[in-house]
């Protein structure tokens, strides 16, 4: 009887730990997405100020996120890759500047 109780307690603890780890990973994923959107918004804002455009927050977020992909692709063509947060942010800003420049050329 004691062995069964101990096994049930251990099983419940394992289930609880598994659920908590799943919750933590879900929170981690959500936090990463929120951080990505915020960094994208900041990169888009900096690029917009650098390029002299005044746009909405939504466009800044879009340009920053799109700019990170464009910047990684363009710099990857030259064999340059981001190794940290600051270089990744700089590449995102440059990519967003490229996106803004292309958008300006297409709209005129």
N, C-alpha and C. Protein backbone atom coordinates (compact mmCIF):
# COMPACT_ATOMS: atom_id res chain seq x y z
N UNK A 1 0.82 -1.19 0.00
CA UNK A 1 0.00 0.00 0.00
C UNK A 1 0.86 1.26 0.00
N UNK A 2 1.90 1.27 0.81
CA UNK A 2 2.79 2.43 0.87
C UNK A 2 3.53 2.59 -0.46
N UNK A 3 3.94 1.47 -1.05
CA UNK A 3 4.64 1.52 -2.33
C UNK A 3 3.74 2.10 -3.41
N UNK A 4 2.49 1.69 -3.45
CA UNK A 4 1.54 2.22 -4.43
C UNK A 4 1.32 3.71 -4.22
N UNK A 5 1.21 4.14 -2.98
CA UNK A 5 1.04 5.57 -2.68
C UNK A 5 2.26 6.36 -3.12
N UNK A 6 3.45 5.84 -2.87
CA UNK A 6 4.68 6.52 -3.27
C UNK A 6 4.76 6.60 -4.79
N UNK A 7 4.42 5.51 -5.47
CA UNK A 7 4.44 5.52 -6.93
C UNK A 7 3.42 6.52 -7.50
N UNK A 8 2.24 6.58 -6.89
CA UNK A 8 1.23 7.55 -7.35
C UNK A 8 1.71 8.98 -7.13
N UNK A 9 2.34 9.24 -5.99
CA UNK A 9 2.86 10.58 -5.70
C UNK A 9 3.95 10.95 -6.70
N UNK A 10 4.86 10.00 -6.97
CA UNK A 10 5.94 10.25 -7.94
C UNK A 10 5.36 10.49 -9.32
N UNK A 11 4.36 9.72 -9.70
CA UNK A 11 3.71 9.89 -11.01
C UNK A 11 3.05 11.26 -11.10
N UNK A 12 2.33 11.63 -10.07
CA UNK A 12 1.68 12.94 -10.08
C UNK A 12 2.70 14.08 -10.13
N UNK A 13 3.80 13.91 -9.41
CA UNK A 13 4.87 14.93 -9.47
C UNK A 13 5.47 15.03 -10.86
N UNK A 14 5.68 13.89 -11.52
CA UNK A 14 6.22 13.90 -12.88
C UNK A 14 5.24 14.57 -13.84
N UNK A 15 3.96 14.27 -13.68
CA UNK A 15 2.94 14.91 -14.53
C UNK A 15 2.92 16.42 -14.28
N UNK A 16 2.99 16.82 -13.02
CA UNK A 16 2.99 18.23 -12.68
C UNK A 16 4.22 18.94 -13.26
N UNK A 17 5.38 18.32 -13.13
CA UNK A 17 6.61 18.90 -13.67
C UNK A 17 6.50 18.99 -15.20
N UNK A 18 5.97 17.96 -15.83
CA UNK A 18 5.79 17.98 -17.28
C UNK A 18 4.86 19.10 -17.72
N UNK A 19 3.76 19.27 -16.99
CA UNK A 19 2.81 20.36 -17.31
C UNK A 19 3.46 21.72 -17.11
N UNK A 20 4.21 21.87 -16.02
CA UNK A 20 4.88 23.15 -15.76
C UNK A 20 5.94 23.45 -16.83
N UNK A 21 6.67 22.43 -17.25
CA UNK A 21 7.68 22.64 -18.29
C UNK A 21 7.01 23.03 -19.60
N UNK A 22 5.87 22.40 -19.91
CA UNK A 22 5.13 22.78 -21.10
C UNK A 22 4.63 24.21 -21.00
N UNK A 23 4.17 24.60 -19.82
CA UNK A 23 3.71 25.96 -19.61
C UNK A 23 4.86 26.94 -19.76
N UNK A 24 6.02 26.58 -19.20
CA UNK A 24 7.18 27.46 -19.31
C UNK A 24 7.63 27.59 -20.75
N UNK A 25 7.58 26.50 -21.51
CA UNK A 25 7.99 26.60 -22.91
C UNK A 25 6.99 27.43 -23.70
N UNK A 26 5.71 27.31 -23.38
CA UNK A 26 4.70 28.13 -24.03
C UNK A 26 4.91 29.60 -23.70
N UNK A 27 5.18 29.89 -22.44
CA UNK A 27 5.45 31.27 -22.04
C UNK A 27 6.72 31.76 -22.73
N UNK A 28 7.72 30.89 -22.85
CA UNK A 28 8.95 31.27 -23.54
C UNK A 28 8.71 31.60 -25.00
N UNK A 29 7.88 30.82 -25.66
CA UNK A 29 7.55 31.07 -27.07
C UNK A 29 6.80 32.39 -27.21
N UNK A 30 5.83 32.62 -26.34
CA UNK A 30 5.07 33.87 -26.39
C UNK A 30 5.98 35.06 -26.10
N UNK A 31 6.86 34.93 -25.11
CA UNK A 31 7.79 36.01 -24.79
C UNK A 31 8.73 36.27 -25.95
N UNK A 32 9.18 35.24 -26.63
CA UNK A 32 10.06 35.42 -27.78
C UNK A 32 9.34 36.14 -28.92
N UNK A 33 8.08 35.79 -29.14
CA UNK A 33 7.31 36.47 -30.18
C UNK A 33 7.10 37.94 -29.84
N UNK A 34 6.75 38.21 -28.59
CA UNK A 34 6.55 39.60 -28.17
C UNK A 34 7.86 40.38 -28.30
N UNK A 35 8.96 39.78 -27.86
CA UNK A 35 10.25 40.45 -27.97
C UNK A 35 10.62 40.68 -29.44
N UNK A 36 10.32 39.72 -30.30
CA UNK A 36 10.59 39.88 -31.72
C UNK A 36 9.80 41.02 -32.34
N UNK A 37 8.53 41.12 -31.95
CA UNK A 37 7.70 42.22 -32.47
C UNK A 37 8.22 43.57 -31.96
N UNK A 38 8.60 43.63 -30.69
CA UNK A 38 9.11 44.88 -30.13
C UNK A 38 10.43 45.28 -30.78
N UNK A 39 11.33 44.32 -30.96
CA UNK A 39 12.60 44.63 -31.62
C UNK A 39 12.35 45.01 -33.07
N UNK A 40 11.41 44.32 -33.73
CA UNK A 40 11.06 44.67 -35.11
C UNK A 40 10.49 46.08 -35.20
N UNK A 41 9.65 46.44 -34.24
CA UNK A 41 9.10 47.80 -34.22
C UNK A 41 10.20 48.83 -34.03
N UNK A 42 11.12 48.54 -33.12
CA UNK A 42 12.22 49.47 -32.89
C UNK A 42 13.12 49.58 -34.11
N UNK A 43 13.42 48.45 -34.74
CA UNK A 43 14.25 48.47 -35.95
C UNK A 43 13.55 49.24 -37.06
N UNK A 44 12.25 49.03 -37.23
CA UNK A 44 11.49 49.75 -38.24
C UNK A 44 11.43 51.24 -37.95
N UNK A 45 11.28 51.59 -36.66
CA UNK A 45 11.25 53.01 -36.28
C UNK A 45 12.59 53.67 -36.58
N UNK A 46 13.68 53.02 -36.19
CA UNK A 46 15.02 53.58 -36.43
C UNK A 46 15.26 53.71 -37.93
N UNK A 47 14.88 52.69 -38.69
CA UNK A 47 15.07 52.75 -40.15
C UNK A 47 14.22 53.86 -40.76
N UNK A 48 12.98 54.01 -40.28
CA UNK A 48 12.12 55.07 -40.78
C UNK A 48 12.68 56.45 -40.50
N UNK A 49 13.22 56.64 -39.30
CA UNK A 49 13.83 57.93 -38.97
C UNK A 49 15.08 58.17 -39.82
N UNK A 50 15.87 57.11 -40.01
CA UNK A 50 17.08 57.23 -40.80
C UNK A 50 16.76 57.55 -42.26
N UNK A 51 15.69 56.95 -42.78
CA UNK A 51 15.30 57.17 -44.18
C UNK A 51 14.42 58.40 -44.35
N UNK A 52 14.03 59.02 -43.25
CA UNK A 52 13.24 60.25 -43.32
C UNK A 52 11.77 60.02 -43.63
N UNK A 53 11.23 58.88 -43.24
CA UNK A 53 9.81 58.61 -43.47
C UNK A 53 9.08 58.61 -42.13
N UNK A 54 7.87 59.08 -42.12
CA UNK A 54 7.02 59.06 -40.93
C UNK A 54 5.88 58.10 -41.22
N UNK A 55 5.88 56.96 -40.53
CA UNK A 55 4.87 55.95 -40.78
C UNK A 55 4.24 55.51 -39.46
N UNK A 56 3.24 54.65 -39.58
CA UNK A 56 2.52 54.16 -38.40
C UNK A 56 3.33 53.08 -37.68
N UNK A 57 2.89 52.76 -36.47
CA UNK A 57 3.53 51.71 -35.68
C UNK A 57 3.43 50.36 -36.39
N UNK A 58 2.29 50.08 -36.99
CA UNK A 58 2.11 48.82 -37.71
C UNK A 58 3.08 48.67 -38.86
N UNK A 59 3.26 49.74 -39.59
CA UNK A 59 4.22 49.71 -40.72
C UNK A 59 5.64 49.57 -40.19
N UNK A 60 5.95 50.23 -39.07
CA UNK A 60 7.28 50.09 -38.48
C UNK A 60 7.55 48.64 -38.08
N UNK A 61 6.56 48.00 -37.46
CA UNK A 61 6.71 46.60 -37.06
C UNK A 61 6.92 45.73 -38.30
N UNK A 62 6.09 45.95 -39.31
CA UNK A 62 6.20 45.17 -40.54
C UNK A 62 7.56 45.38 -41.20
N UNK A 63 8.00 46.62 -41.30
CA UNK A 63 9.30 46.91 -41.93
C UNK A 63 10.45 46.33 -41.12
N UNK A 64 10.35 46.37 -39.81
CA UNK A 64 11.41 45.81 -38.97
C UNK A 64 11.50 44.30 -39.09
N UNK A 65 10.35 43.62 -39.07
CA UNK A 65 10.35 42.16 -39.19
C UNK A 65 10.77 41.74 -40.59
N UNK A 66 10.21 42.37 -41.60
CA UNK A 66 10.60 42.08 -42.97
C UNK A 66 12.07 42.44 -43.19
N UNK A 67 12.48 43.55 -42.58
CA UNK A 67 13.87 43.98 -42.71
C UNK A 67 14.86 43.00 -42.13
N UNK A 68 14.46 42.30 -41.07
CA UNK A 68 15.38 41.31 -40.50
C UNK A 68 15.61 40.17 -41.48
N UNK A 69 14.55 39.75 -42.17
CA UNK A 69 14.73 38.69 -43.17
C UNK A 69 15.56 39.19 -44.36
N UNK A 70 15.24 40.38 -44.84
CA UNK A 70 15.96 40.94 -45.98
C UNK A 70 17.42 41.17 -45.62
N UNK A 71 17.67 41.75 -44.44
CA UNK A 71 19.05 42.01 -44.01
C UNK A 71 19.85 40.73 -43.86
N UNK A 72 19.26 39.71 -43.24
CA UNK A 72 19.95 38.42 -43.09
C UNK A 72 20.26 37.82 -44.46
N UNK A 73 19.32 37.94 -45.41
CA UNK A 73 19.54 37.40 -46.74
C UNK A 73 20.65 38.14 -47.47
N UNK A 74 20.58 39.48 -47.47
CA UNK A 74 21.57 40.29 -48.19
C UNK A 74 22.96 40.11 -47.60
N UNK A 75 23.06 40.20 -46.27
CA UNK A 75 24.37 40.03 -45.64
C UNK A 75 24.87 38.59 -45.78
N UNK A 76 23.94 37.63 -45.81
CA UNK A 76 24.31 36.24 -46.01
C UNK A 76 24.93 36.00 -47.38
N UNK A 77 24.50 36.77 -48.38
CA UNK A 77 25.10 36.66 -49.71
C UNK A 77 26.59 37.00 -49.68
N UNK A 78 26.97 37.87 -48.75
CA UNK A 78 28.37 38.28 -48.62
C UNK A 78 29.11 37.48 -47.55
N UNK A 79 28.43 36.49 -46.98
CA UNK A 79 29.05 35.66 -45.95
C UNK A 79 29.13 36.32 -44.59
N UNK A 80 28.29 37.33 -44.36
CA UNK A 80 28.27 38.03 -43.07
C UNK A 80 27.00 37.61 -42.34
N UNK A 81 27.18 37.11 -41.12
CA UNK A 81 26.04 36.64 -40.33
C UNK A 81 26.06 37.30 -38.96
N UNK A 82 24.87 37.52 -38.42
CA UNK A 82 24.74 38.13 -37.09
C UNK A 82 25.20 37.13 -36.03
N UNK A 83 26.01 37.61 -35.09
CA UNK A 83 26.50 36.73 -34.04
C UNK A 83 25.96 37.11 -32.67
N UNK A 84 25.19 38.16 -32.59
CA UNK A 84 24.64 38.59 -31.31
C UNK A 84 23.43 39.47 -31.50
N UNK A 85 22.91 39.94 -30.40
CA UNK A 85 21.70 40.76 -30.45
C UNK A 85 21.93 42.09 -31.14
N UNK A 86 23.06 42.73 -30.85
CA UNK A 86 23.32 44.04 -31.43
C UNK A 86 23.54 43.94 -32.94
N UNK A 87 24.34 42.97 -33.37
CA UNK A 87 24.56 42.83 -34.82
C UNK A 87 23.28 42.41 -35.53
N UNK A 88 22.46 41.60 -34.89
CA UNK A 88 21.19 41.22 -35.47
C UNK A 88 20.27 42.43 -35.61
N UNK A 89 20.27 43.30 -34.59
CA UNK A 89 19.47 44.52 -34.64
C UNK A 89 19.96 45.45 -35.76
N UNK A 90 21.27 45.60 -35.88
CA UNK A 90 21.84 46.46 -36.93
C UNK A 90 21.48 45.92 -38.31
N UNK A 91 21.60 44.61 -38.49
CA UNK A 91 21.24 44.00 -39.77
C UNK A 91 19.75 44.19 -40.04
N UNK A 92 18.91 44.11 -39.01
CA UNK A 92 17.47 44.34 -39.17
C UNK A 92 17.19 45.77 -39.60
N UNK A 93 17.88 46.72 -38.99
CA UNK A 93 17.69 48.13 -39.36
C UNK A 93 18.11 48.36 -40.81
N UNK A 94 19.26 47.81 -41.20
CA UNK A 94 19.72 47.98 -42.58
C UNK A 94 18.76 47.31 -43.55
N UNK A 95 18.27 46.12 -43.19
CA UNK A 95 17.28 45.44 -44.03
C UNK A 95 15.99 46.24 -44.14
N UNK A 96 15.56 46.85 -43.03
CA UNK A 96 14.35 47.68 -43.07
C UNK A 96 14.58 48.92 -43.94
N UNK A 97 15.79 49.49 -43.89
CA UNK A 97 16.12 50.62 -44.77
C UNK A 97 16.03 50.20 -46.24
N UNK A 98 16.51 48.99 -46.53
CA UNK A 98 16.42 48.48 -47.90
C UNK A 98 14.96 48.33 -48.31
N UNK A 99 14.13 47.79 -47.41
CA UNK A 99 12.70 47.63 -47.71
C UNK A 99 12.03 48.98 -47.93
N UNK A 100 12.35 49.95 -47.10
CA UNK A 100 11.76 51.29 -47.25
C UNK A 100 12.20 51.91 -48.57
N UNK A 101 13.47 51.76 -48.90
CA UNK A 101 14.00 52.31 -50.15
C UNK A 101 13.30 51.69 -51.36
N UNK A 102 13.15 50.35 -51.33
CA UNK A 102 12.46 49.67 -52.43
C UNK A 102 11.00 50.12 -52.50
N UNK A 103 10.36 50.27 -51.34
CA UNK A 103 8.98 50.74 -51.31
C UNK A 103 8.83 52.14 -51.87
N UNK A 104 9.79 53.01 -51.59
CA UNK A 104 9.76 54.36 -52.13
C UNK A 104 9.94 54.34 -53.64
N UNK A 105 10.82 53.49 -54.14
CA UNK A 105 11.07 53.41 -55.58
C UNK A 105 9.86 52.83 -56.30
N UNK A 106 9.18 51.87 -55.69
CA UNK A 106 8.02 51.27 -56.33
C UNK A 106 6.80 52.19 -56.31
N UNK A 107 6.71 53.05 -55.32
CA UNK A 107 5.53 53.92 -55.22
C UNK A 107 5.65 55.17 -56.09
N UNK A 108 6.82 55.47 -56.56
CA UNK A 108 6.96 56.68 -57.40
C UNK A 108 6.84 56.37 -58.84
